[in-house]
Amino acid sequence: YDAAGNAGIINIRLKKDKRFGTNGSLALGYGYGRFGKVNSSVSFNHRNRKTNFFGTYSNRTGQNWSYLNFYREQVNTIFDQKAETINHNQSNNIKLGMDYFASTKSTFGFILNANLNANDNTSLSRTPIYPQNSTLPTQVLIADNTAQQHSNNLYLNTNYRFADTLGRILNVDVDLGSYNSNRHSYQPNFYKNGTETQTLFSQIYRMKTPTDIGIFSAKVDYEQPFLILKLGMGAKLSIVKTNNTFDFYDVVDGTDAFNANRSNNFVYTEQINAAYVNYNRSHQKLDLQFGLRAEQTVSEGKLIGTQKNADAFVRRNYTNLFPSGGITYKA
């Protein structure tokens, strides 16, 4: 397992449908809060002696409503904000996979996952602004914000497994992933007088924040009996590239003016080369395990913007060793 993180490991093992022939299921759902919500799904599985083909499609569409009340005291000023938010979300999820049983020992497979999401958000906010110890507002901020976000997440896994009766097991996995998100948000801020009969001034912004993430990984794991122990070893290569753009616009008289001082682009690339060796043995009530993992990380971060930053370009190359070991006694 990767050395990153310390939250433990969730080991999920799915049972494959071993019945020959074709079977499937269909589900429909409806919910109602302030607005209605609809969801549906269909899944199928087809298996014969050599192949197993399976797939699932599910979707969800509906609106959510929320009401927020923020009361803040800051620098002898009271901000009493109340906001109503309506969110419309539509998501589509697709999963397709196949296993090919080349022999009793060898299996080839692939899995394709796709998640397509569209999200429209509208927030209606009103904030009376009071001097402390006063009941009459000097200003009222009206901010009716909108945001639209579309995201696509595609993931492909190809795998091979070999297992024989002598305890030799070989697993090979190659993964490709792509995440794309495009978010546009419009934020008008109108400051009115205390009676809301006159606009004192306004600050109107528009932001475009696309994100693109590409993932590639390849790994091989092998284990076999060795003397009185079970020997395991493996290697992994993973490459991740993230491209984040933040474009900020001042809206003046209905026209978008690009603000370079509040915009930037950040590109981050990371490659991890890892290898490990592991020994374990179970004897009656005692389990022994010890191993060593080595990881080399090569990363590069580049921030492009008008503001000067000493860390705008950071390149790192380091190697770490991660030993592990454990003794378990089943009392």
Protein backbone atom coordinates (compact mmCIF):
# COMPACT_ATOMS: atom_id res chain seq x y z
CA TYR A 1 0.00 0.00 0.00
CA ASP A 2 1.10 3.58 -0.59
CA ALA A 3 2.88 5.17 2.34
CA ALA A 4 0.86 8.40 2.10
CA GLY A 5 -1.76 9.02 4.78
CA ASN A 6 -2.29 7.55 8.23
CA ALA A 7 -6.05 6.93 8.33
CA GLY A 8 -5.80 3.16 7.86
CA ILE A 9 -6.95 0.97 4.99
CA ILE A 10 -10.48 -0.06 4.02
CA ASN A 11 -10.29 -3.43 2.29
CA ILE A 12 -13.43 -3.88 0.17
CA ARG A 13 -13.79 -7.28 -1.48
CA LEU A 14 -16.62 -7.63 -3.99
CA LYS A 15 -18.09 -11.04 -4.77
CA LYS A 16 -18.50 -11.71 -8.48
CA ASP A 17 -21.73 -13.23 -9.71
CA LYS A 18 -20.80 -16.79 -10.67
CA ARG A 19 -24.16 -17.77 -12.13
CA PHE A 20 -24.14 -18.51 -15.85
CA GLY A 21 -26.58 -16.58 -18.01
CA THR A 22 -27.93 -13.04 -17.83
CA ASN A 23 -29.52 -11.21 -14.92
CA GLY A 24 -30.14 -7.60 -13.96
CA SER A 25 -32.11 -5.18 -11.86
CA LEU A 26 -33.94 -1.87 -12.22
CA ALA A 27 -34.62 0.69 -9.51
CA LEU A 28 -36.63 3.92 -9.46
CA GLY A 29 -36.79 6.42 -6.63
CA TYR A 30 -38.50 9.69 -5.78
CA GLY A 31 -38.05 12.04 -2.86
CA TYR A 32 -39.60 15.33 -1.84
CA GLY A 33 -38.41 18.07 0.48
CA ARG A 34 -39.04 21.62 -0.61
CA PHE A 35 -38.45 20.33 -4.15
CA GLY A 36 -38.74 16.93 -5.79
CA LYS A 37 -35.84 14.59 -6.53
CA VAL A 38 -35.72 11.63 -8.90
CA ASN A 39 -33.17 8.81 -9.15
CA SER A 40 -32.96 5.61 -11.15
CA SER A 41 -30.52 2.81 -11.86
CA VAL A 42 -30.19 -0.27 -14.02
CA SER A 43 -27.57 -3.02 -13.76
CA PHE A 44 -26.88 -6.25 -15.57
CA ASN A 45 -24.49 -9.20 -15.54
CA HIS A 46 -23.85 -11.76 -18.29
CA ARG A 47 -21.54 -14.73 -17.71
CA ASN A 48 -20.46 -17.86 -19.54
CA ARG A 49 -17.50 -20.18 -19.12
CA LYS A 50 -14.95 -17.76 -20.62
CA THR A 51 -16.30 -14.24 -20.07
CA ASN A 52 -18.18 -12.17 -17.53
CA PHE A 53 -19.62 -8.85 -18.69
CA PHE A 54 -21.30 -6.42 -16.30
CA GLY A 55 -22.52 -2.85 -16.20
CA THR A 56 -24.46 -0.26 -14.21
CA TYR A 57 -26.07 3.06 -15.07
CA SER A 58 -27.55 5.41 -12.48
CA ASN A 59 -28.68 9.01 -12.41
CA ARG A 60 -30.08 11.61 -10.08
CA THR A 61 -31.76 14.93 -10.72
CA GLY A 62 -33.44 17.37 -8.36
CA GLN A 63 -33.25 20.60 -6.42
CA ASN A 64 -32.05 21.24 -2.88
CA TRP A 65 -32.95 24.21 -0.69
CA SER A 66 -31.16 25.64 2.32
CA TYR A 67 -31.43 28.71 4.53
CA LEU A 68 -28.44 30.21 6.34
CA ASN A 69 -28.37 32.77 9.13
CA PHE A 70 -25.00 34.40 9.97
CA TYR A 71 -24.82 36.93 12.79
CA ARG A 72 -21.34 38.45 13.15
CA GLU A 73 -19.80 41.20 15.27
CA GLN A 74 -16.63 42.58 13.74
CA VAL A 75 -14.73 45.87 14.41
CA ASN A 76 -17.67 47.45 16.30
CA THR A 77 -19.98 46.54 13.42
CA ILE A 78 -22.79 43.99 13.24
CA PHE A 79 -23.45 41.97 10.06
CA ASP A 80 -26.82 40.17 10.19
CA GLN A 81 -26.80 38.04 7.02
CA LYS A 82 -29.66 35.83 5.88
CA ALA A 83 -29.26 33.77 2.70
CA GLU A 84 -31.48 31.37 0.78
CA THR A 85 -29.79 28.92 -1.56
CA ILE A 86 -31.35 26.80 -4.30
CA ASN A 87 -29.19 24.14 -5.91
CA HIS A 88 -30.13 22.11 -8.98
CA ASN A 89 -28.00 19.02 -9.52
CA GLN A 90 -27.97 16.39 -12.23
CA SER A 91 -25.58 13.46 -12.20
CA ASN A 92 -25.06 10.44 -14.44
CA ASN A 93 -22.90 7.46 -13.48
CA ILE A 94 -21.77 4.65 -15.78
CA LYS A 95 -19.78 1.52 -14.97
CA LEU A 96 -18.81 -1.17 -17.48
CA GLY A 97 -16.50 -4.12 -16.99
CA MET A 98 -15.45 -7.47 -18.35
CA ASP A 99 -13.45 -10.46 -17.13
CA TYR A 100 -11.91 -12.98 -19.50
CA PHE A 101 -10.99 -16.34 -17.98
CA ALA A 102 -8.06 -17.42 -20.14
CA SER A 103 -7.52 -20.51 -17.98
CA THR A 104 -8.16 -21.77 -14.48
CA LYS A 105 -5.13 -19.78 -13.36
CA SER A 106 -5.24 -16.58 -15.46
CA THR A 107 -7.87 -13.83 -15.68
CA PHE A 108 -7.81 -10.59 -17.70
CA GLY A 109 -10.19 -7.74 -16.98
CA PHE A 110 -11.08 -4.11 -17.47
CA ILE A 111 -13.36 -1.64 -15.68
CA LEU A 112 -14.58 1.74 -16.99
CA ASN A 113 -16.17 4.30 -14.68
CA ALA A 114 -17.68 7.62 -15.80
CA ASN A 115 -19.29 10.31 -13.63
CA LEU A 116 -20.94 13.29 -15.34
CA ASN A 117 -22.28 16.09 -13.14
CA ALA A 118 -23.99 19.44 -13.75
CA ASN A 119 -24.65 21.81 -10.88
CA ASP A 120 -26.47 25.17 -10.93
CA ASN A 121 -26.48 27.20 -7.73
CA THR A 122 -28.40 30.40 -6.88
CA SER A 123 -27.97 32.23 -3.58
CA LEU A 124 -30.15 35.18 -2.49
CA SER A 125 -28.43 37.06 0.33
CA ARG A 126 -29.42 40.15 2.33
CA THR A 127 -27.11 41.59 5.01
CA PRO A 128 -28.12 44.61 7.13
CA ILE A 129 -24.99 46.33 8.53
CA TYR A 130 -25.36 48.06 11.92
CA PRO A 131 -23.01 50.08 14.10
CA GLN A 132 -22.73 48.32 17.45
CA ASN A 133 -25.37 49.41 20.00
CA SER A 134 -27.67 50.59 17.20
CA THR A 135 -30.92 49.11 15.89
CA LEU A 136 -30.94 50.96 12.56
CA PRO A 137 -28.74 49.74 9.70
CA THR A 138 -26.48 52.22 7.95
CA GLN A 139 -26.09 49.92 4.92
CA VAL A 140 -27.73 46.83 3.48
CA LEU A 141 -25.72 44.47 1.27
CA ILE A 142 -27.74 42.67 -1.42
CA ALA A 143 -25.78 39.82 -3.03
CA ASP A 144 -27.67 37.48 -5.35
CA ASN A 145 -24.98 35.09 -6.56
CA THR A 146 -25.14 32.41 -9.26
CA ALA A 147 -22.72 29.62 -10.15
CA GLN A 148 -22.67 26.86 -12.77
CA GLN A 149 -20.33 23.89 -12.59
CA HIS A 150 -19.90 20.95 -14.96
CA SER A 151 -17.52 18.11 -14.12
CA ASN A 152 -16.57 14.89 -15.87
CA ASN A 153 -14.66 12.08 -14.18
CA LEU A 154 -13.43 9.18 -16.32
CA TYR A 155 -11.48 6.19 -14.98
CA LEU A 156 -10.18 3.08 -16.75
CA ASN A 157 -8.56 0.06 -15.13
CA THR A 158 -7.05 -2.93 -16.91
CA ASN A 159 -5.89 -5.86 -14.81
CA TYR A 160 -4.40 -9.35 -14.93
CA ARG A 161 -4.37 -11.98 -12.19
CA PHE A 162 -2.51 -15.29 -12.03
CA ALA A 163 -2.97 -17.72 -9.16
CA ASP A 164 -2.00 -21.38 -8.98
CA THR A 165 -2.32 -24.18 -6.44
CA LEU A 166 1.26 -23.67 -5.21
CA GLY A 167 0.40 -20.31 -3.63
CA ARG A 168 1.96 -18.16 -6.33
CA ILE A 169 -0.10 -15.02 -7.04
CA LEU A 170 0.62 -12.28 -9.58
CA ASN A 171 -1.50 -9.11 -9.93
CA VAL A 172 -0.91 -6.42 -12.58
CA ASP A 173 -2.95 -3.21 -12.72
CA VAL A 174 -2.80 -0.23 -15.09
CA ASP A 175 -5.02 2.77 -14.33
CA LEU A 176 -5.88 5.89 -16.33
CA GLY A 177 -7.97 8.71 -14.90
CA SER A 178 -9.16 12.10 -16.10
CA TYR A 179 -11.05 14.75 -14.13
CA ASN A 180 -12.30 17.97 -15.74
CA SER A 181 -14.26 20.67 -13.99
CA ASN A 182 -15.44 24.00 -15.36
CA ARG A 183 -17.02 26.48 -12.94
CA HIS A 184 -18.38 29.94 -13.72
CA SER A 185 -19.63 32.14 -10.90
CA TYR A 186 -21.19 35.61 -10.89
CA GLN A 187 -21.08 37.67 -7.71
CA PRO A 188 -22.85 41.06 -7.68
CA ASN A 189 -22.64 43.07 -4.44
CA PHE A 190 -24.92 46.11 -4.12
CA TYR A 191 -24.51 48.29 -1.04
CA LYS A 192 -27.71 50.26 -0.35
CA ASN A 193 -28.56 52.83 2.27
CA GLY A 194 -30.31 51.79 5.47
CA THR A 195 -33.81 52.13 4.01
CA GLU A 196 -32.80 50.36 0.76
CA THR A 197 -34.03 53.28 -1.33
CA GLN A 198 -30.66 54.15 -2.88
CA THR A 199 -27.61 52.22 -4.11
CA LEU A 200 -24.49 53.72 -2.51
CA PHE A 201 -21.97 51.68 -4.54
CA SER A 202 -21.51 48.25 -6.07
CA GLN A 203 -18.77 45.65 -6.54
CA ILE A 204 -19.52 43.05 -9.19
CA TYR A 205 -17.24 40.13 -10.02
CA ARG A 206 -17.16 37.13 -12.31
CA MET A 207 -14.85 34.15 -11.83
CA LYS A 208 -13.94 31.29 -14.18
CA THR A 209 -12.10 28.42 -12.51
CA PRO A 210 -11.45 25.36 -14.71
CA THR A 211 -9.53 22.39 -13.28
CA ASP A 212 -7.97 19.51 -15.22
CA ILE A 213 -6.40 16.48 -13.53
CA GLY A 214 -4.74 13.54 -15.28
CA ILE A 215 -3.74 10.32 -13.48
CA PHE A 216 -1.69 7.33 -14.61
CA SER A 217 -0.51 4.42 -12.50
CA ALA A 218 0.90 0.96 -13.14
CA LYS A 219 1.72 -1.62 -10.49
CA VAL A 220 2.69 -5.27 -10.17
CA ASP A 221 2.43 -7.42 -7.03
CA TYR A 222 3.76 -10.96 -6.62
CA GLU A 223 3.82 -13.40 -3.72
CA GLN A 224 4.83 -17.02 -3.24
CA PRO A 225 5.87 -19.40 -0.46
CA PHE A 226 9.57 -19.06 0.39
CA LEU A 227 11.15 -21.45 2.91
CA ILE A 228 8.81 -21.26 5.92
CA LEU A 229 7.58 -17.75 5.02
CA LYS A 230 5.39 -16.11 2.41
CA LEU A 231 7.42 -13.69 0.30
CA GLY A 232 5.77 -10.71 -1.35
CA MET A 233 7.26 -8.04 -3.60
CA GLY A 234 6.08 -5.41 -6.01
CA ALA A 235 6.61 -2.08 -7.74
CA LYS A 236 4.45 0.87 -8.71
CA LEU A 237 4.68 3.96 -10.93
CA SER A 238 2.18 6.80 -10.57
CA ILE A 239 2.03 10.15 -12.37
CA VAL A 240 -0.45 12.94 -11.57
CA LYS A 241 -0.74 16.30 -13.33
CA THR A 242 -3.06 19.05 -12.09
CA ASN A 243 -3.83 22.29 -13.93
CA ASN A 244 -5.82 24.90 -11.97
CA THR A 245 -6.82 28.25 -13.51
CA PHE A 246 -8.39 31.14 -11.60
CA ASP A 247 -9.56 33.97 -13.88
CA PHE A 248 -11.03 36.98 -12.10
CA TYR A 249 -13.10 39.67 -13.84
CA ASP A 250 -14.38 43.04 -12.62
CA VAL A 251 -17.79 43.72 -14.16
CA VAL A 252 -18.07 47.43 -15.00
CA ASP A 253 -21.22 48.73 -16.73
CA GLY A 254 -22.10 45.20 -17.76
CA THR A 255 -18.69 44.52 -19.35
CA ASP A 256 -16.18 41.95 -18.04
CA ALA A 257 -12.70 43.41 -17.45
CA PHE A 258 -9.97 40.83 -16.80
CA ASN A 259 -8.13 41.51 -13.52
CA ALA A 260 -4.64 40.07 -13.87
CA ASN A 261 -3.70 41.04 -10.29
CA ARG A 262 -6.34 38.69 -8.90
CA SER A 263 -5.89 35.85 -11.40
CA ASN A 264 -3.36 33.03 -11.67
CA ASN A 265 -2.63 29.58 -13.03
CA PHE A 266 -1.07 26.73 -11.07
CA VAL A 267 0.32 23.54 -12.63
CA TYR A 268 1.51 20.66 -10.44
CA THR A 269 3.12 17.43 -11.63
CA GLU A 270 4.09 14.53 -9.37
CA GLN A 271 5.71 11.19 -10.13
CA ILE A 272 6.19 8.47 -7.53
CA ASN A 273 8.37 5.39 -8.09
CA ALA A 274 7.90 2.73 -5.43
CA ALA A 275 9.05 -0.80 -4.67
CA TYR A 276 8.61 -3.09 -1.69
CA VAL A 277 9.48 -6.49 -0.25
CA ASN A 278 7.44 -8.17 2.49
CA TYR A 279 7.65 -11.37 4.54
CA ASN A 280 4.90 -12.91 6.63
CA ARG A 281 4.22 -16.19 8.36
CA SER A 282 1.27 -17.64 10.26
CA HIS A 283 2.01 -20.42 12.76
CA GLN A 284 -0.73 -21.67 15.05
CA LYS A 285 -1.75 -18.57 17.09
CA LEU A 286 1.16 -16.38 16.02
CA ASP A 287 1.35 -14.11 12.95
CA LEU A 288 4.63 -12.43 11.96
CA GLN A 289 5.08 -9.74 9.29
CA PHE A 290 7.94 -7.45 8.36
CA GLY A 291 8.88 -5.56 5.21
CA LEU A 292 10.41 -2.49 3.62
CA ARG A 293 9.01 -0.04 1.07
CA ALA A 294 11.03 2.57 -0.84
CA GLU A 295 9.44 5.57 -2.54
CA GLN A 296 11.04 8.21 -4.75
CA THR A 297 8.98 11.37 -5.32
CA VAL A 298 9.72 13.83 -8.12
CA SER A 299 7.40 16.84 -8.15
CA GLU A 300 7.18 20.26 -9.75
CA GLY A 301 4.83 23.13 -8.95
CA LYS A 302 4.60 26.28 -11.07
CA LEU A 303 2.47 29.32 -10.26
CA ILE A 304 1.93 31.87 -13.04
CA GLY A 305 0.58 35.31 -12.13
CA THR A 306 1.43 38.98 -11.95
CA GLN A 307 2.15 38.88 -8.23
CA LYS A 308 5.73 38.09 -7.26
CA ASN A 309 6.13 35.01 -5.12
CA ALA A 310 9.40 33.47 -3.97
CA ASP A 311 7.84 29.99 -4.16
CA ALA A 312 6.24 30.41 -7.58
CA PHE A 313 8.36 27.54 -8.89
CA VAL A 314 9.20 24.59 -6.63
CA ARG A 315 10.90 21.38 -7.73
CA ARG A 316 11.52 18.48 -5.35
CA ASN A 317 13.23 15.10 -5.66
CA TYR A 318 13.55 12.89 -2.58
CA THR A 319 13.54 9.24 -1.54
CA ASN A 320 12.11 7.77 1.66
CA LEU A 321 12.23 4.31 3.22
CA PHE A 322 9.22 2.94 5.10
CA PRO A 323 9.88 -0.15 7.23
CA SER A 324 6.95 -2.05 8.71
CA GLY A 325 6.55 -4.92 11.07
CA GLY A 326 4.09 -6.61 13.36
CA ILE A 327 3.51 -9.53 15.72
CA THR A 328 -0.04 -10.75 16.34
CA TYR A 329 -0.95 -13.35 18.94
CA LYS A 330 -4.46 -14.81 18.79
CA ALA A 331 -5.17 -15.43 22.46
